[in-house]
Amino acid sequence: MTNYQFEEMTDRHPWTKPQLERMILLKRAGATNKEIFQTMRREYGVPKNLGEVNAEMHFLNGAPNPGMWNPAMESRVKALLGQGMNSKDITTELFHEFAQPVQWQETYKKIQQMKLQGRL
């Protein structure tokens, strides 16, 4: 287990859809995480450190559990993001309302997937 998987989400850069798409393209082209970090810093001025790229690539490599998410939960995620909540706080709210998801990482993956699909 590595530390970057459990970083405080509020300390990390809030990736945009174009940034996520660029990282995915670089990874598919065979770039290392260090090369992705350097390219992102050059093109977008973010992230602060290599650990943010390492963490994001970890999350992008795994999709959220499709059976766990329903339209009501996705709608609630949008609303809570609009209130400025981070994925850990959103997970707590969702757990109280829907009894899932149990881990904030699952919520974070869903948020990133929704960004990539243009639903956020």
PDB file of N, CA and C in Angstrom:
ATOM      1  N   MET A   1       0.838  -1.169   0.000  1.00  0.00           N
ATOM      2  CA  MET A   1       0.000   0.000   0.000  1.00  0.00           C
ATOM      3  C   MET A   1       0.889   1.239   0.000  1.00  0.00           C
ATOM      4  N   THR A   2       0.557   2.209  -0.806  1.00  0.00           N
ATOM      5  CA  THR A   2       1.364   3.415  -0.885  1.00  0.00           C
ATOM      6  C   THR A   2       0.623   4.598  -0.284  1.00  0.00           C
ATOM      7  N   ASN A   3       1.379   5.571   0.182  1.00  0.00           N
ATOM      8  CA  ASN A   3       0.790   6.731   0.841  1.00  0.00           C
ATOM      9  C   ASN A   3      -0.066   7.567  -0.095  1.00  0.00           C
ATOM     10  N   TYR A   4       0.312   7.654  -1.380  1.00  0.00           N
ATOM     11  CA  TYR A   4      -0.432   8.549  -2.268  1.00  0.00           C
ATOM     12  C   TYR A   4      -1.866   8.107  -2.476  1.00  0.00           C
ATOM     13  N   GLN A   5      -2.156   6.841  -2.215  1.00  0.00           N
ATOM     14  CA  GLN A   5      -3.523   6.365  -2.390  1.00  0.00           C
ATOM     15  C   GLN A   5      -4.452   6.954  -1.329  1.00  0.00           C
ATOM     16  N   PHE A   6      -3.884   7.415  -0.224  1.00  0.00           N
ATOM     17  CA  PHE A   6      -4.699   7.872   0.888  1.00  0.00           C
ATOM     18  C   PHE A   6      -4.446   9.333   1.229  1.00  0.00           C
ATOM     19  N   GLU A   7      -3.933  10.107   0.272  1.00  0.00           N
ATOM     20  CA  GLU A   7      -3.726  11.533   0.487  1.00  0.00           C
ATOM     21  C   GLU A   7      -5.059  12.216   0.750  1.00  0.00           C
ATOM     22  N   GLU A   8      -4.994  13.294   1.505  1.00  0.00           N
ATOM     23  CA  GLU A   8      -6.189  14.114   1.710  1.00  0.00           C
ATOM     24  C   GLU A   8      -6.615  14.675   0.363  1.00  0.00           C
ATOM     25  N   MET A   9      -7.829  14.425  -0.045  1.00  0.00           N
ATOM     26  CA  MET A   9      -8.286  14.818  -1.374  1.00  0.00           C
ATOM     27  C   MET A   9      -8.282  16.334  -1.564  1.00  0.00           C
ATOM     28  N   THR A  10      -8.478  17.084  -0.492  1.00  0.00           N
ATOM     29  CA  THR A  10      -8.540  18.532  -0.639  1.00  0.00           C
ATOM     30  C   THR A  10      -7.179  19.134  -0.934  1.00  0.00           C
ATOM     31  N   ASP A  11      -6.098  18.396  -0.713  1.00  0.00           N
ATOM     32  CA  ASP A  11      -4.756  18.896  -0.975  1.00  0.00           C
ATOM     33  C   ASP A  11      -4.353  18.718  -2.434  1.00  0.00           C
ATOM     34  N   ARG A  12      -5.155  18.016  -3.194  1.00  0.00           N
ATOM     35  CA  ARG A  12      -4.787  17.706  -4.569  1.00  0.00           C
ATOM     36  C   ARG A  12      -5.474  18.628  -5.547  1.00  0.00           C
ATOM     37  N   HIS A  13      -4.929  18.695  -6.730  1.00  0.00           N
ATOM     38  CA  HIS A  13      -5.473  19.543  -7.785  1.00  0.00           C
ATOM     39  C   HIS A  13      -6.819  19.009  -8.265  1.00  0.00           C
ATOM     40  N   PRO A  14      -7.816  19.859  -8.440  1.00  0.00           N
ATOM     41  CA  PRO A  14      -9.102  19.405  -8.988  1.00  0.00           C
ATOM     42  C   PRO A  14      -9.011  19.296 -10.512  1.00  0.00           C
ATOM     43  N   TRP A  15      -8.717  18.129 -11.005  1.00  0.00           N
ATOM     44  CA  TRP A  15      -8.481  17.906 -12.433  1.00  0.00           C
ATOM     45  C   TRP A  15      -9.698  18.259 -13.257  1.00  0.00           C
ATOM     46  N   THR A  16      -9.462  18.859 -14.410  1.00  0.00           N
ATOM     47  CA  THR A  16     -10.538  19.150 -15.365  1.00  0.00           C
ATOM     48  C   THR A  16     -10.615  18.019 -16.377  1.00  0.00           C
ATOM     49  N   LYS A  17     -11.693  17.983 -17.130  1.00  0.00           N
ATOM     50  CA  LYS A  17     -11.856  16.957 -18.153  1.00  0.00           C
ATOM     51  C   LYS A  17     -10.704  16.981 -19.165  1.00  0.00           C
ATOM     52  N   PRO A  18     -10.308  18.148 -19.720  1.00  0.00           N
ATOM     53  CA  PRO A  18      -9.191  18.141 -20.675  1.00  0.00           C
ATOM     54  C   PRO A  18      -7.879  17.649 -20.056  1.00  0.00           C
ATOM     55  N   GLN A  19      -7.659  17.964 -18.800  1.00  0.00           N
ATOM     56  CA  GLN A  19      -6.436  17.502 -18.135  1.00  0.00           C
ATOM     57  C   GLN A  19      -6.451  15.987 -17.962  1.00  0.00           C
ATOM     58  N   LEU A  20      -7.594  15.439 -17.548  1.00  0.00           N
ATOM     59  CA  LEU A  20      -7.708  13.991 -17.398  1.00  0.00           C
ATOM     60  C   LEU A  20      -7.517  13.291 -18.739  1.00  0.00           C
ATOM     61  N   GLU A  21      -8.147  13.845 -19.785  1.00  0.00           N
ATOM     62  CA  GLU A  21      -8.014  13.252 -21.115  1.00  0.00           C
ATOM     63  C   GLU A  21      -6.564  13.291 -21.581  1.00  0.00           C
ATOM     64  N   ARG A  22      -5.870  14.387 -21.301  1.00  0.00           N
ATOM     65  CA  ARG A  22      -4.454  14.514 -21.694  1.00  0.00           C
ATOM     66  C   ARG A  22      -3.603  13.480 -20.975  1.00  0.00           C
ATOM     67  N   MET A  23      -3.850  13.285 -19.688  1.00  0.00           N
ATOM     68  CA  MET A  23      -3.073  12.287 -18.940  1.00  0.00           C
ATOM     69  C   MET A  23      -3.312  10.885 -19.484  1.00  0.00           C
ATOM     70  N   ILE A  24      -4.555  10.588 -19.822  1.00  0.00           N
ATOM     71  CA  ILE A  24      -4.876   9.270 -20.375  1.00  0.00           C
ATOM     72  C   ILE A  24      -4.166   9.073 -21.718  1.00  0.00           C
ATOM     73  N   LEU A  25      -4.196  10.097 -22.567  1.00  0.00           N
ATOM     74  CA  LEU A  25      -3.502  10.003 -23.865  1.00  0.00           C
ATOM     75  C   LEU A  25      -2.003   9.795 -23.685  1.00  0.00           C
ATOM     76  N   LEU A  26      -1.410  10.518 -22.765  1.00  0.00           N
ATOM     77  CA  LEU A  26       0.025  10.364 -22.519  1.00  0.00           C
ATOM     78  C   LEU A  26       0.346   8.958 -22.026  1.00  0.00           C
ATOM     79  N   LYS A  27      -0.496   8.436 -21.136  1.00  0.00           N
ATOM     80  CA  LYS A  27      -0.267   7.088 -20.599  1.00  0.00           C
ATOM     81  C   LYS A  27      -0.391   6.050 -21.715  1.00  0.00           C
ATOM     82  N   ARG A  28      -1.403   6.199 -22.561  1.00  0.00           N
ATOM     83  CA  ARG A  28      -1.597   5.262 -23.676  1.00  0.00           C
ATOM     84  C   ARG A  28      -0.441   5.314 -24.661  1.00  0.00           C
ATOM     85  N   ALA A  29       0.209   6.486 -24.751  1.00  0.00           N
ATOM     86  CA  ALA A  29       1.356   6.644 -25.646  1.00  0.00           C
ATOM     87  C   ALA A  29       2.637   6.090 -25.029  1.00  0.00           C
ATOM     88  N   GLY A  30       2.541   5.592 -23.802  1.00  0.00           N
ATOM     89  CA  GLY A  30       3.696   4.957 -23.170  1.00  0.00           C
ATOM     90  C   GLY A  30       4.493   5.852 -22.242  1.00  0.00           C
ATOM     91  N   ALA A  31       3.977   7.018 -21.902  1.00  0.00           N
ATOM     92  CA  ALA A  31       4.697   7.928 -21.015  1.00  0.00           C
ATOM     93  C   ALA A  31       4.693   7.388 -19.586  1.00  0.00           C
ATOM     94  N   THR A  32       5.787   7.624 -18.885  1.00  0.00           N
ATOM     95  CA  THR A  32       5.850   7.261 -17.471  1.00  0.00           C
ATOM     96  C   THR A  32       5.111   8.331 -16.675  1.00  0.00           C
ATOM     97  N   ASN A  33       4.836   8.044 -15.412  1.00  0.00           N
ATOM     98  CA  ASN A  33       4.170   9.042 -14.576  1.00  0.00           C
ATOM     99  C   ASN A  33       5.021  10.298 -14.439  1.00  0.00           C
ATOM    100  N   LYS A  34       6.325  10.138 -14.395  1.00  0.00           N
ATOM    101  CA  LYS A  34       7.212  11.299 -14.297  1.00  0.00           C
ATOM    102  C   LYS A  34       7.113  12.146 -15.569  1.00  0.00           C
ATOM    103  N   GLU A  35       7.075  11.499 -16.716  1.00  0.00           N
ATOM    104  CA  GLU A  35       6.927  12.227 -17.983  1.00  0.00           C
ATOM    105  C   GLU A  35       5.565  12.921 -18.066  1.00  0.00           C
ATOM    106  N   ILE A  36       4.528  12.247 -17.559  1.00  0.00           N
ATOM    107  CA  ILE A  36       3.194  12.852 -17.529  1.00  0.00           C
ATOM    108  C   ILE A  36       3.221  14.082 -16.631  1.00  0.00           C
ATOM    109  N   PHE A  37       3.842  13.966 -15.464  1.00  0.00           N
ATOM    110  CA  PHE A  37       3.969  15.096 -14.542  1.00  0.00           C
ATOM    111  C   PHE A  37       4.654  16.283 -15.222  1.00  0.00           C
ATOM    112  N   GLN A  38       5.769  16.008 -15.876  1.00  0.00           N
ATOM    113  CA  GLN A  38       6.527  17.080 -16.532  1.00  0.00           C
ATOM    114  C   GLN A  38       5.706  17.737 -17.648  1.00  0.00           C
ATOM    115  N   THR A  39       5.000  16.938 -18.425  1.00  0.00           N
ATOM    116  CA  THR A  39       4.171  17.465 -19.512  1.00  0.00           C
ATOM    117  C   THR A  39       3.018  18.300 -18.955  1.00  0.00           C
ATOM    118  N   MET A  40       2.363  17.805 -17.926  1.00  0.00           N
ATOM    119  CA  MET A  40       1.247  18.529 -17.335  1.00  0.00           C
ATOM    120  C   MET A  40       1.707  19.849 -16.727  1.00  0.00           C
ATOM    121  N   ARG A  41       2.867  19.842 -16.084  1.00  0.00           N
ATOM    122  CA  ARG A  41       3.416  21.089 -15.515  1.00  0.00           C
ATOM    123  C   ARG A  41       3.702  22.092 -16.626  1.00  0.00           C
ATOM    124  N   ARG A  42       4.254  21.593 -17.722  1.00  0.00           N
ATOM    125  CA  ARG A  42       4.607  22.465 -18.843  1.00  0.00           C
ATOM    126  C   ARG A  42       3.350  23.015 -19.537  1.00  0.00           C
ATOM    127  N   GLU A  43       2.347  22.152 -19.748  1.00  0.00           N
ATOM    128  CA  GLU A  43       1.164  22.555 -20.500  1.00  0.00           C
ATOM    129  C   GLU A  43       0.097  23.258 -19.666  1.00  0.00           C
ATOM    130  N   TYR A  44      -0.057  22.844 -18.407  1.00  0.00           N
ATOM    131  CA  TYR A  44      -1.142  23.372 -17.586  1.00  0.00           C
ATOM    132  C   TYR A  44      -0.674  24.084 -16.315  1.00  0.00           C
ATOM    133  N   GLY A  45       0.598  23.930 -15.948  1.00  0.00           N
ATOM    134  CA  GLY A  45       1.097  24.540 -14.722  1.00  0.00           C
ATOM    135  C   GLY A  45       0.727  23.779 -13.458  1.00  0.00           C
ATOM    136  N   VAL A  46       0.173  22.616 -13.602  1.00  0.00           N
ATOM    137  CA  VAL A  46      -0.181  21.758 -12.473  1.00  0.00           C
ATOM    138  C   VAL A  46       0.225  20.339 -12.818  1.00  0.00           C
ATOM    139  N   PRO A  47       0.400  19.476 -11.890  1.00  0.00           N
ATOM    140  CA  PRO A  47       0.148  19.533 -10.455  1.00  0.00           C
ATOM    141  C   PRO A  47       1.370  20.026  -9.676  1.00  0.00           C
ATOM    142  N   LYS A  48       1.212  20.041  -8.335  1.00  0.00           N
ATOM    143  CA  LYS A  48       2.291  20.503  -7.476  1.00  0.00           C
ATOM    144  C   LYS A  48       3.447  19.509  -7.432  1.00  0.00           C
ATOM    145  N   ASN A  49       3.110  18.225  -7.476  1.00  0.00           N
ATOM    146  CA  ASN A  49       4.164  17.221  -7.326  1.00  0.00           C
ATOM    147  C   ASN A  49       3.811  15.929  -8.064  1.00  0.00           C
ATOM    148  N   LEU A  50       4.808  15.084  -8.196  1.00  0.00           N
ATOM    149  CA  LEU A  50       4.651  13.807  -8.899  1.00  0.00           C
ATOM    150  C   LEU A  50       3.620  12.912  -8.218  1.00  0.00           C
ATOM    151  N   GLY A  51       3.498  13.007  -6.902  1.00  0.00           N
ATOM    152  CA  GLY A  51       2.541  12.181  -6.162  1.00  0.00           C
ATOM    153  C   GLY A  51       1.112  12.370  -6.630  1.00  0.00           C
ATOM    154  N   GLU A  52       0.783  13.585  -7.072  1.00  0.00           N
ATOM    155  CA  GLU A  52      -0.576  13.830  -7.568  1.00  0.00           C
ATOM    156  C   GLU A  52      -0.834  13.058  -8.859  1.00  0.00           C
ATOM    157  N   VAL A  53       0.167  12.987  -9.721  1.00  0.00           N
ATOM    158  CA  VAL A  53       0.025  12.213 -10.956  1.00  0.00           C
ATOM    159  C   VAL A  53      -0.043  10.724 -10.615  1.00  0.00           C
ATOM    160  N   ASN A  54       0.816  10.277  -9.708  1.00  0.00           N
ATOM    161  CA  ASN A  54       0.791   8.866  -9.300  1.00  0.00           C
ATOM    162  C   ASN A  54      -0.592   8.482  -8.782  1.00  0.00           C
ATOM    163  N   ALA A  55      -1.148   9.328  -7.921  1.00  0.00           N
ATOM    164  CA  ALA A  55      -2.462   9.039  -7.349  1.00  0.00           C
ATOM    165  C   ALA A  55      -3.548   9.038  -8.415  1.00  0.00           C
ATOM    166  N   GLU A  56      -3.509  10.032  -9.292  1.00  0.00           N
ATOM    167  CA  GLU A  56      -4.549  10.126 -10.324  1.00  0.00           C
ATOM    168  C   GLU A  56      -4.477   8.942 -11.276  1.00  0.00           C
ATOM    169  N   MET A  57      -3.289   8.533 -11.647  1.00  0.00           N
ATOM    170  CA  MET A  57      -3.148   7.376 -12.537  1.00  0.00           C
ATOM    171  C   MET A  57      -3.667   6.118 -11.847  1.00  0.00           C
ATOM    172  N   HIS A  58      -3.463   6.016 -10.548  1.00  0.00           N
ATOM    173  CA  HIS A  58      -4.002   4.879  -9.788  1.00  0.00           C
ATOM    174  C   HIS A  58      -5.530   4.856  -9.909  1.00  0.00           C
ATOM    175  N   PHE A  59      -6.167   6.018  -9.734  1.00  0.00           N
ATOM    176  CA  PHE A  59      -7.620   6.073  -9.801  1.00  0.00           C
ATOM    177  C   PHE A  59      -8.133   5.879 -11.219  1.00  0.00           C
ATOM    178  N   LEU A  60      -7.435   6.410 -12.201  1.00  0.00           N
ATOM    179  CA  LEU A  60      -7.878   6.266 -13.590  1.00  0.00           C
ATOM    180  C   LEU A  60      -7.752   4.830 -14.084  1.00  0.00           C
ATOM    181  N   ASN A  61      -6.887   4.052 -13.463  1.00  0.00           N
ATOM    182  CA  ASN A  61      -6.714   2.660 -13.869  1.00  0.00           C
ATOM    183  C   ASN A  61      -7.850   1.765 -13.394  1.00  0.00           C
ATOM    184  N   GLY A  62      -8.623   2.221 -12.434  1.00  0.00           N
ATOM    185  CA  GLY A  62      -9.728   1.413 -11.921  1.00  0.00           C
ATOM    186  C   GLY A  62     -11.042   2.140 -12.089  1.00  0.00           C
ATOM    187  N   ALA A  63     -12.021   1.469 -12.617  1.00  0.00           N
ATOM    188  CA  ALA A  63     -13.345   2.083 -12.809  1.00  0.00           C
ATOM    189  C   ALA A  63     -14.181   1.890 -11.552  1.00  0.00           C
ATOM    190  N   PRO A  64     -15.139   2.783 -11.315  1.00  0.00           N
ATOM    191  CA  PRO A  64     -16.030   2.589 -10.168  1.00  0.00           C
ATOM    192  C   PRO A  64     -16.909   1.369 -10.373  1.00  0.00           C
ATOM    193  N   ASN A  65     -17.351   0.798  -9.290  1.00  0.00           N
ATOM    194  CA  ASN A  65     -18.216  -0.371  -9.312  1.00  0.00           C
ATOM    195  C   ASN A  65     -19.549   0.029  -9.942  1.00  0.00           C
ATOM    196  N   PRO A  66     -19.865  -0.472 -11.157  1.00  0.00           N
ATOM    197  CA  PRO A  66     -21.079  -0.014 -11.854  1.00  0.00           C
ATOM    198  C   PRO A  66     -22.370  -0.395 -11.147  1.00  0.00           C
ATOM    199  N   GLY A  67     -22.392  -1.513 -10.445  1.00  0.00           N
ATOM    200  CA  GLY A  67     -23.610  -1.947  -9.765  1.00  0.00           C
ATOM    201  C   GLY A  67     -23.957  -1.108  -8.557  1.00  0.00           C
ATOM    202  N   MET A  68     -23.012  -0.313  -8.087  1.00  0.00           N
ATOM    203  CA  MET A  68     -23.221   0.473  -6.886  1.00  0.00           C
ATOM    204  C   MET A  68     -23.928   1.790  -7.173  1.00  0.00           C
ATOM    205  N   TRP A  69     -23.788   2.314  -8.375  1.00  0.00           N
ATOM    206  CA  TRP A  69     -24.241   3.675  -8.671  1.00  0.00           C
ATOM    207  C   TRP A  69     -25.575   3.679  -9.392  1.00  0.00           C
ATOM    208  N   ASN A  70     -26.457   4.559  -8.958  1.00  0.00           N
ATOM    209  CA  ASN A  70     -27.738   4.734  -9.631  1.00  0.00           C
ATOM    210  C   ASN A  70     -27.922   6.223  -9.930  1.00  0.00           C
ATOM    211  N   PRO A  71     -28.888   6.574 -10.775  1.00  0.00           N
ATOM    212  CA  PRO A  71     -29.061   7.984 -11.153  1.00  0.00           C
ATOM    213  C   PRO A  71     -29.286   8.923  -9.963  1.00  0.00           C
ATOM    214  N   ALA A  72     -29.981   8.464  -8.947  1.00  0.00           N
ATOM    215  CA  ALA A  72     -30.220   9.314  -7.775  1.00  0.00           C
ATOM    216  C   ALA A  72     -28.906   9.641  -7.067  1.00  0.00           C
ATOM    217  N   MET A  73     -28.037   8.653  -6.963  1.00  0.00           N
ATOM    218  CA  MET A  73     -26.737   8.881  -6.320  1.00  0.00           C
ATOM    219  C   MET A  73     -25.891   9.832  -7.165  1.00  0.00           C
ATOM    220  N   GLU A  74     -25.898   9.639  -8.470  1.00  0.00           N
ATOM    221  CA  GLU A  74     -25.119  10.513  -9.351  1.00  0.00           C
ATOM    222  C   GLU A  74     -25.628  11.948  -9.257  1.00  0.00           C
ATOM    223  N   SER A  75     -26.918  12.116  -9.209  1.00  0.00           N
ATOM    224  CA  SER A  75     -27.502  13.447  -9.081  1.00  0.00           C
ATOM    225  C   SER A  75     -27.078  14.088  -7.761  1.00  0.00           C
ATOM    226  N   ARG A  76     -27.052  13.285  -6.722  1.00  0.00           N
ATOM    227  CA  ARG A  76     -26.642  13.796  -5.401  1.00  0.00           C
ATOM    228  C   ARG A  76     -25.163  14.190  -5.416  1.00  0.00           C
ATOM    229  N   VAL A  77     -24.326  13.409  -6.107  1.00  0.00           N
ATOM    230  CA  VAL A  77     -22.909  13.747  -6.227  1.00  0.00           C
ATOM    231  C   VAL A  77     -22.766  15.119  -6.881  1.00  0.00           C
ATOM    232  N   LYS A  78     -23.500  15.364  -7.962  1.00  0.00           N
ATOM    233  CA  LYS A  78     -23.444  16.664  -8.644  1.00  0.00           C
ATOM    234  C   LYS A  78     -23.831  17.793  -7.696  1.00  0.00           C
ATOM    235  N   ALA A  79     -24.897  17.578  -6.943  1.00  0.00           N
ATOM    236  CA  ALA A  79     -25.376  18.615  -6.023  1.00  0.00           C
ATOM    237  C   ALA A  79     -24.352  18.893  -4.927  1.00  0.00           C
ATOM    238  N   LEU A  80     -23.780  17.845  -4.371  1.00  0.00           N
ATOM    239  CA  LEU A  80     -22.808  18.024  -3.291  1.00  0.00           C
ATOM    240  C   LEU A  80     -21.513  18.644  -3.793  1.00  0.00           C
ATOM    241  N   LEU A  81     -21.098  18.291  -5.015  1.00  0.00           N
ATOM    242  CA  LEU A  81     -19.928  18.940  -5.605  1.00  0.00           C
ATOM    243  C   LEU A  81     -20.193  20.436  -5.787  1.00  0.00           C
ATOM    244  N   GLY A  82     -21.416  20.761  -6.157  1.00  0.00           N
ATOM    245  CA  GLY A  82     -21.793  22.158  -6.323  1.00  0.00           C
ATOM    246  C   GLY A  82     -21.731  22.950  -5.026  1.00  0.00           C
ATOM    247  N   GLN A  83     -21.832  22.248  -3.916  1.00  0.00           N
ATOM    248  CA  GLN A  83     -21.721  22.881  -2.600  1.00  0.00           C
ATOM    249  C   GLN A  83     -20.266  22.972  -2.139  1.00  0.00           C
ATOM    250  N   GLY A  84     -19.348  22.459  -2.973  1.00  0.00           N
ATOM    251  CA  GLY A  84     -17.932  22.539  -2.638  1.00  0.00           C
ATOM    252  C   GLY A  84     -17.406  21.410  -1.779  1.00  0.00           C
ATOM    253  N   MET A  85     -18.134  20.322  -1.677  1.00  0.00           N
ATOM    254  CA  MET A  85     -17.689  19.202  -0.849  1.00  0.00           C
ATOM    255  C   MET A  85     -16.631  18.384  -1.582  1.00  0.00           C
ATOM    256  N   ASN A  86     -15.730  17.765  -0.822  1.00  0.00           N
ATOM    257  CA  ASN A  86     -14.736  16.873  -1.418  1.00  0.00           C
ATOM    258  C   ASN A  86     -15.270  15.443  -1.405  1.00  0.00           C
ATOM    259  N   SER A  87     -14.536  14.533  -2.021  1.00  0.00           N
ATOM    260  CA  SER A  87     -15.046  13.167  -2.185  1.00  0.00           C
ATOM    261  C   SER A  87     -15.231  12.441  -0.858  1.00  0.00           C
ATOM    262  N   LYS A  88     -14.435  12.764   0.149  1.00  0.00           N
ATOM    263  CA  LYS A  88     -14.611  12.109   1.454  1.00  0.00           C
ATOM    264  C   LYS A  88     -15.919  12.542   2.103  1.00  0.00           C
ATOM    265  N   ASP A  89     -16.207  13.835   2.063  1.00  0.00           N
ATOM    266  CA  ASP A  89     -17.452  14.336   2.647  1.00  0.00           C
ATOM    267  C   ASP A  89     -18.664  13.850   1.850  1.00  0.00           C
ATOM    268  N   ILE A  90     -18.539  13.810   0.539  1.00  0.00           N
ATOM    269  CA  ILE A  90     -19.625  13.312  -0.307  1.00  0.00           C
ATOM    270  C   ILE A  90     -19.906  11.851   0.019  1.00  0.00           C
ATOM    271  N   THR A  91     -18.849  11.064   0.218  1.00  0.00           N
ATOM    272  CA  THR A  91     -19.018   9.652   0.559  1.00  0.00           C
ATOM    273  C   THR A  91     -19.797   9.506   1.857  1.00  0.00           C
ATOM    274  N   THR A  92     -19.480  10.329   2.833  1.00  0.00           N
ATOM    275  CA  THR A  92     -20.192  10.281   4.114  1.00  0.00           C
ATOM    276  C   THR A  92     -21.673  10.577   3.904  1.00  0.00           C
ATOM    277  N   GLU A  93     -21.973  11.612   3.138  1.00  0.00           N
ATOM    278  CA  GLU A  93     -23.375  11.960   2.855  1.00  0.00           C
ATOM    279  C   GLU A  93     -24.093  10.828   2.118  1.00  0.00           C
ATOM    280  N   LEU A  94     -23.431  10.284   1.084  1.00  0.00           N
ATOM    281  CA  LEU A  94     -24.048   9.198   0.316  1.00  0.00           C
ATOM    282  C   LEU A  94     -24.291   7.980   1.188  1.00  0.00           C
ATOM    283  N   PHE A  95     -23.351   7.697   2.069  1.00  0.00           N
ATOM    284  CA  PHE A  95     -23.506   6.530   2.942  1.00  0.00           C
ATOM    285  C   PHE A  95     -24.715   6.712   3.857  1.00  0.00           C
ATOM    286  N   HIS A  96     -24.903   7.926   4.382  1.00  0.00           N
ATOM    287  CA  HIS A  96     -26.065   8.176   5.250  1.00  0.00           C
ATOM    288  C   HIS A  96     -27.374   8.101   4.475  1.00  0.00           C
ATOM    289  N   GLU A  97     -27.357   8.528   3.214  1.00  0.00           N
ATOM    290  CA  GLU A  97     -28.582   8.544   2.421  1.00  0.00           C
ATOM    291  C   GLU A  97     -28.874   7.230   1.711  1.00  0.00           C
ATOM    292  N   PHE A  98     -27.825   6.553   1.219  1.00  0.00           N
ATOM    293  CA  PHE A  98     -28.017   5.359   0.391  1.00  0.00           C
ATOM    294  C   PHE A  98     -27.363   4.093   0.946  1.00  0.00           C
ATOM    295  N   ALA A  99     -26.653   4.207   2.056  1.00  0.00           N
ATOM    296  CA  ALA A  99     -25.902   3.102   2.672  1.00  0.00           C
ATOM    297  C   ALA A  99     -24.772   2.600   1.775  1.00  0.00           C
ATOM    298  N   GLN A 100     -24.285   3.436   0.891  1.00  0.00           N
ATOM    299  CA  GLN A 100     -23.117   3.154   0.059  1.00  0.00           C
ATOM    300  C   GLN A 100     -22.673   4.438  -0.610  1.00  0.00           C
ATOM    301  N   PRO A 101     -21.522   4.598  -1.144  1.00  0.00           N
ATOM    302  CA  PRO A 101     -20.385   3.685  -1.099  1.00  0.00           C
ATOM    303  C   PRO A 101     -19.704   3.740   0.275  1.00  0.00           C
ATOM    304  N   VAL A 102     -18.899   2.746   0.530  1.00  0.00           N
ATOM    305  CA  VAL A 102     -18.237   2.651   1.819  1.00  0.00           C
ATOM    306  C   VAL A 102     -16.906   3.397   1.801  1.00  0.00           C
ATOM    307  N   GLN A 103     -16.239   3.477   0.665  1.00  0.00           N
ATOM    308  CA  GLN A 103     -14.916   4.093   0.587  1.00  0.00           C
ATOM    309  C   GLN A 103     -14.941   5.333  -0.288  1.00  0.00           C
ATOM    310  N   TRP A 104     -14.218   6.371   0.154  1.00  0.00           N
ATOM    311  CA  TRP A 104     -14.155   7.619  -0.616  1.00  0.00           C
ATOM    312  C   TRP A 104     -13.484   7.415  -1.965  1.00  0.00           C
ATOM    313  N   GLN A 105     -12.596   6.419  -2.071  1.00  0.00           N
ATOM    314  CA  GLN A 105     -11.934   6.176  -3.348  1.00  0.00           C
ATOM    315  C   GLN A 105     -12.951   5.833  -4.432  1.00  0.00           C
ATOM    316  N   GLU A 106     -13.989   5.113  -4.054  1.00  0.00           N
ATOM    317  CA  GLU A 106     -15.045   4.749  -5.004  1.00  0.00           C
ATOM    318  C   GLU A 106     -15.776   6.010  -5.485  1.00  0.00           C
ATOM    319  N   THR A 107     -16.046   6.920  -4.568  1.00  0.00           N
ATOM    320  CA  THR A 107     -16.697   8.180  -4.938  1.00  0.00           C
ATOM    321  C   THR A 107     -15.795   8.991  -5.851  1.00  0.00           C
ATOM    322  N   TYR A 108     -14.512   9.049  -5.530  1.00  0.00           N
ATOM    323  CA  TYR A 108     -13.572   9.822  -6.337  1.00  0.00           C
ATOM    324  C   TYR A 108     -13.505   9.270  -7.758  1.00  0.00           C
ATOM    325  N   LYS A 109     -13.455   7.950  -7.896  1.00  0.00           N
ATOM    326  CA  LYS A 109     -13.426   7.334  -9.225  1.00  0.00           C
ATOM    327  C   LYS A 109     -14.688   7.705 -10.009  1.00  0.00           C
ATOM    328  N   LYS A 110     -15.834   7.697  -9.327  1.00  0.00           N
ATOM    329  CA  LYS A 110     -17.092   8.026  -9.998  1.00  0.00           C
ATOM    330  C   LYS A 110     -17.095   9.486 -10.449  1.00  0.00           C
ATOM    331  N   ILE A 111     -16.582  10.385  -9.612  1.00  0.00           N
ATOM    332  CA  ILE A 111     -16.522  11.806  -9.977  1.00  0.00           C
ATOM    333  C   ILE A 111     -15.656  11.984 -11.221  1.00  0.00           C
ATOM    334  N   GLN A 112     -14.502  11.334 -11.248  1.00  0.00           N
ATOM    335  CA  GLN A 112     -13.616  11.460 -12.400  1.00  0.00           C
ATOM    336  C   GLN A 112     -14.251  10.859 -13.648  1.00  0.00           C
ATOM    337  N   GLN A 113     -14.944   9.731 -13.496  1.00  0.00           N
ATOM    338  CA  GLN A 113     -15.628   9.122 -14.638  1.00  0.00           C
ATOM    339  C   GLN A 113     -16.704  10.053 -15.178  1.00  0.00           C
ATOM    340  N   MET A 114     -17.452  10.677 -14.287  1.00  0.00           N
ATOM    341  CA  MET A 114     -18.507  11.604 -14.710  1.00  0.00           C
ATOM    342  C   MET A 114     -17.907  12.815 -15.433  1.00  0.00           C
ATOM    343  N   LYS A 115     -16.759  13.290 -14.984  1.00  0.00           N
ATOM    344  CA  LYS A 115     -16.068  14.398 -15.672  1.00  0.00           C
ATOM    345  C   LYS A 115     -15.698  13.970 -17.089  1.00  0.00           C
ATOM    346  N   LEU A 116     -15.095  12.788 -17.204  1.00  0.00           N
ATOM    347  CA  LEU A 116     -14.657  12.311 -18.525  1.00  0.00           C
ATOM    348  C   LEU A 116     -15.824  12.092 -19.471  1.00  0.00           C
ATOM    349  N   GLN A 117     -16.966  11.740 -18.947  1.00  0.00           N
ATOM    350  CA  GLN A 117     -18.145  11.511 -19.774  1.00  0.00           C
ATOM    351  C   GLN A 117     -18.928  12.800 -20.045  1.00  0.00           C
ATOM    352  N   GLY A 118     -18.430  13.916 -19.500  1.00  0.00           N
ATOM    353  CA  GLY A 118     -19.077  15.194 -19.727  1.00  0.00           C
ATOM    354  C   GLY A 118     -20.341  15.403 -18.932  1.00  0.00           C
ATOM    355  N   ARG A 119     -20.518  14.671 -17.853  1.00  0.00           N
ATOM    356  CA  ARG A 119     -21.720  14.796 -17.039  1.00  0.00           C
ATOM    357  C   ARG A 119     -21.502  15.687 -15.827  1.00  0.00           C
ATOM    358  N   LEU A 120     -20.328  16.266 -15.693  1.00  0.00           N
ATOM    359  CA  LEU A 120     -20.043  17.232 -14.627  1.00  0.00           C
ATOM    360  C   LEU A 120     -19.461  18.482 -15.211  1.00  0.00           C
TER     361      LEU A 120
END
